[in-house]
PDB file of N, CA and C in Angstrom:
ATOM      1  N   MET A   1      87.442  96.345 138.648  1.00  0.00           N
ATOM      2  CA  MET A   1      88.905  96.850 139.241  1.00  0.00           C
ATOM      3  C   MET A   1      90.166  96.873 138.840  1.00  0.00           C
ATOM      4  N   TYR A   2      90.125  95.532 138.185  1.00  0.00           N
ATOM      5  CA  TYR A   2      91.812  94.700 137.710  1.00  0.00           C
ATOM      6  C   TYR A   2      91.198  94.015 136.167  1.00  0.00           C
ATOM      7  N   GLY A   3      90.478  94.942 135.458  1.00  0.00           N
ATOM      8  CA  GLY A   3      89.583  94.860 134.388  1.00  0.00           C
ATOM      9  C   GLY A   3      90.934  95.461 133.107  1.00  0.00           C
ATOM     10  N   ALA A   4      91.459  94.573 131.957  1.00  0.00           N
ATOM     11  CA  ALA A   4      92.269  95.037 131.186  1.00  0.00           C
ATOM     12  C   ALA A   4      91.505  95.988 129.989  1.00  0.00           C
ATOM     13  N   GLN A   5      92.822  96.958 129.660  1.00  0.00           N
ATOM     14  CA  GLN A   5      92.923  97.953 129.168  1.00  0.00           C
ATOM     15  C   GLN A   5      92.919  98.044 128.223  1.00  0.00           C
ATOM     16  N   TRP A   6      91.766  97.216 127.299  1.00  0.00           N
ATOM     17  CA  TRP A   6      91.996  96.822 125.436  1.00  0.00           C
ATOM     18  C   TRP A   6      92.437  97.906 124.582  1.00  0.00           C
ATOM     19  N   GLN A   7      92.328  98.816 124.770  1.00  0.00           N
ATOM     20  CA  GLN A   7      92.542 100.002 123.479  1.00  0.00           C
ATOM     21  C   GLN A   7      93.697 100.576 124.076  1.00  0.00           C
ATOM     22  N   LEU A   8      94.461 100.186 125.201  1.00  0.00           N
ATOM     23  CA  LEU A   8      95.755 100.738 125.311  1.00  0.00           C
ATOM     24  C   LEU A   8      97.300  99.015 124.971  1.00  0.00           C
ATOM     25  N   MET A   9      95.865  97.866 125.521  1.00  0.00           N
ATOM     26  CA  MET A   9      96.712  96.997 124.387  1.00  0.00           C
ATOM     27  C   MET A   9      97.336  96.901 123.236  1.00  0.00           C
ATOM     28  N   MET A  10      95.978  97.155 122.145  1.00  0.00           N
ATOM     29  CA  MET A  10      95.624  97.193 121.190  1.00  0.00           C
ATOM     30  C   MET A  10      96.680  98.531 120.713  1.00  0.00           C
ATOM     31  N   ALA A  11      97.002  99.358 121.255  1.00  0.00           N
ATOM     32  CA  ALA A  11      97.321 100.568 120.695  1.00  0.00           C
ATOM     33  C   ALA A  11      99.121 100.272 120.348  1.00  0.00           C
ATOM     34  N   ALA A  12      99.517  99.342 122.146  1.00  0.00           N
ATOM     35  CA  ALA A  12     100.997  99.040 122.164  1.00  0.00           C
ATOM     36  C   ALA A  12     101.124  97.846 121.401  1.00  0.00           C
ATOM     37  N   SER A  13     100.318  96.379 120.822  1.00  0.00           N
ATOM     38  CA  SER A  13     100.178  96.203 119.758  1.00  0.00           C
ATOM     39  C   SER A  13     101.160  96.326 118.589  1.00  0.00           C
ATOM     40  N   THR A  14      99.639  97.667 117.999  1.00  0.00           N
ATOM     41  CA  THR A  14     100.425  97.996 116.919  1.00  0.00           C
ATOM     42  C   THR A  14     101.701  98.837 116.552  1.00  0.00           C
ATOM     43  N   LEU A  15     102.342  99.455 117.623  1.00  0.00           N
ATOM     44  CA  LEU A  15     103.785  99.966 117.856  1.00  0.00           C
ATOM     45  C   LEU A  15     104.597  99.099 117.705  1.00  0.00           C
ATOM     46  N   ALA A  16     103.785  98.072 118.355  1.00  0.00           N
ATOM     47  CA  ALA A  16     105.044  96.860 118.513  1.00  0.00           C
ATOM     48  C   ALA A  16     105.232  96.438 116.910  1.00  0.00           C
ATOM     49  N   MET A  17     104.210  96.282 116.507  1.00  0.00           N
ATOM     50  CA  MET A  17     104.706  95.334 115.140  1.00  0.00           C
ATOM     51  C   MET A  17     105.131  96.765 113.647  1.00  0.00           C
ATOM     52  N   LEU A  18     104.607  97.897 114.214  1.00  0.00           N
ATOM     53  CA  LEU A  18     104.654  98.945 112.945  1.00  0.00           C
ATOM     54  C   LEU A  18     106.568  98.561 112.281  1.00  0.00           C
ATOM     55  N   PRO A  19     107.156  98.973 113.394  1.00  0.00           N
ATOM     56  CA  PRO A  19     108.892  98.304 112.324  1.00  0.00           C
ATOM     57  C   PRO A  19     109.009  97.405 112.008  1.00  0.00           C
ATOM     58  N   THR A  20     108.622  96.603 111.746  1.00  0.00           N
ATOM     59  CA  THR A  20     108.815  95.154 111.478  1.00  0.00           C
ATOM     60  C   THR A  20     107.722  95.271 110.259  1.00  0.00           C
ATOM     61  N   ILE A  21     106.716  95.647 110.070  1.00  0.00           N
ATOM     62  CA  ILE A  21     105.706  95.832 108.962  1.00  0.00           C
ATOM     63  C   ILE A  21     106.093  96.847 107.721  1.00  0.00           C
ATOM     64  N   VAL A  22     106.888  98.135 108.512  1.00  0.00           N
ATOM     65  CA  VAL A  22     108.042  99.184 107.621  1.00  0.00           C
ATOM     66  C   VAL A  22     108.766  98.260 107.123  1.00  0.00           C
ATOM     67  N   LEU A  23     109.592  97.704 107.523  1.00  0.00           N
ATOM     68  CA  LEU A  23     111.056  97.121 106.771  1.00  0.00           C
ATOM     69  C   LEU A  23     110.876  96.350 106.402  1.00  0.00           C
ATOM     70  N   PHE A  24     109.673  95.291 106.258  1.00  0.00           N
ATOM     71  CA  PHE A  24     108.925  94.967 105.443  1.00  0.00           C
ATOM     72  C   PHE A  24     108.856  94.991 103.919  1.00  0.00           C
ATOM     73  N   PHE A  25     108.519  96.067 103.874  1.00  0.00           N
ATOM     74  CA  PHE A  25     107.501  97.416 102.892  1.00  0.00           C
ATOM     75  C   PHE A  25     108.711  97.567 102.092  1.00  0.00           C
ATOM     76  N   PHE A  26     109.912  98.130 102.719  1.00  0.00           N
ATOM     77  CA  PHE A  26     111.278  98.589 101.814  1.00  0.00           C
ATOM     78  C   PHE A  26     111.735  97.467 101.547  1.00  0.00           C
ATOM     79  N   THR A  27     111.636  96.013 101.935  1.00  0.00           N
ATOM     80  CA  THR A  27     112.327  95.228 101.908  1.00  0.00           C
ATOM     81  C   THR A  27     111.692  93.947 100.473  1.00  0.00           C
ATOM     82  N   GLN A  28     110.377  94.531 100.472  1.00  0.00           N
ATOM     83  CA  GLN A  28     109.804  92.807  99.785  1.00  0.00           C
ATOM     84  C   GLN A  28     110.026  92.916  98.477  1.00  0.00           C
ATOM     85  N   LYS A  29     110.839  93.719  97.767  1.00  0.00           N
ATOM     86  CA  LYS A  29     111.290  93.561  96.384  1.00  0.00           C
ATOM     87  C   LYS A  29     112.315  91.604  96.215  1.00  0.00           C
ATOM     88  N   THR A  30     113.205  92.508  97.369  1.00  0.00           N
ATOM     89  CA  THR A  30     114.341  91.343  97.626  1.00  0.00           C
ATOM     90  C   THR A  30     113.813  89.855  98.418  1.00  0.00           C
ATOM     91  N   PHE A  31     112.596  90.225  99.181  1.00  0.00           N
ATOM     92  CA  PHE A  31     112.219  88.921  99.693  1.00  0.00           C
ATOM     93  C   PHE A  31     111.468  88.211  98.893  1.00  0.00           C
ATOM     94  N   VAL A  32     110.632  88.893  97.628  1.00  0.00           N
ATOM     95  CA  VAL A  32     110.252  87.578  96.557  1.00  0.00           C
ATOM     96  C   VAL A  32     111.185  87.615  95.690  1.00  0.00           C
ATOM     97  N   ARG A  33     111.784  88.214  95.913  1.00  0.00           N
ATOM     98  CA  ARG A  33     113.146  87.936  94.166  1.00  0.00           C
ATOM     99  C   ARG A  33     114.004  86.293  95.322  1.00  0.00           C
ATOM    100  N   GLY A  34     114.391  86.575  96.418  1.00  0.00           N
ATOM    101  CA  GLY A  34     114.592  85.326  97.055  1.00  0.00           C
ATOM    102  C   GLY A  34     113.732  84.202  97.056  1.00  0.00           C
ATOM    103  N   ILE A  35     112.744  84.697  97.278  1.00  0.00           N
ATOM    104  CA  ILE A  35     111.857  82.950  97.336  1.00  0.00           C
ATOM    105  C   ILE A  35     111.368  82.550  95.703  1.00  0.00           C
ATOM    106  N   ALA A  36     111.592  83.624  95.074  1.00  0.00           N
ATOM    107  CA  ALA A  36     111.694  82.742  93.434  1.00  0.00           C
ATOM    108  C   ALA A  36     112.756  82.216  93.095  1.00  0.00           C
ATOM    109  N   LEU A  37     114.127  82.885  93.723  1.00  0.00           N
ATOM    110  CA  LEU A  37     114.863  82.162  92.551  1.00  0.00           C
ATOM    111  C   LEU A  37     115.275  80.556  93.779  1.00  0.00           C
ATOM    112  N   THR A  38     114.552  80.746  94.577  1.00  0.00           N
ATOM    113  CA  THR A  38     114.953  79.740  95.401  1.00  0.00           C
ATOM    114  C   THR A  38     114.211  78.387  94.966  1.00  0.00           C
ATOM    115  N   GLY A  39     113.296  78.775  94.667  1.00  0.00           N
ATOM    116  CA  GLY A  39     112.490  77.250  93.539  1.00  0.00           C
ATOM    117  C   GLY A  39     113.102  77.241  92.146  1.00  0.00           C
ATOM    118  N   LEU A  40     113.851  78.305  91.819  1.00  0.00           N
ATOM    119  CA  LEU A  40     114.598  77.385  90.258  1.00  0.00           C
ATOM    120  C   LEU A  40     115.547  76.005  90.075  1.00  0.00           C
ATOM    121  N   LYS A  41     115.724  75.555  89.254  1.00  0.00           N
ATOM    122  CA  LYS A  41     116.821  74.384  89.278  1.00  0.00           C
ATOM    123  C   LYS A  41     117.248  74.422  87.642  1.00  0.00           C
ATOM    124  N   GLY A  42     118.499  74.427  88.233  1.00  0.00           N
ATOM    125  CA  GLY A  42     119.348  74.299  86.684  1.00  0.00           C
ATOM    126  C   GLY A  42     120.254  75.181  86.715  1.00  0.00           C
TER     127      GLY A  42
END
């Protein structure tokens, strides 16, 4: 009677993660460049 509805919880978690994933793909070049530049000395 009080069982978890896993399909709804998975759909909600996917929708919650979607904006973060889309933002990462649009700004991936900037993230990679920033990480690469922080490791350089001189």
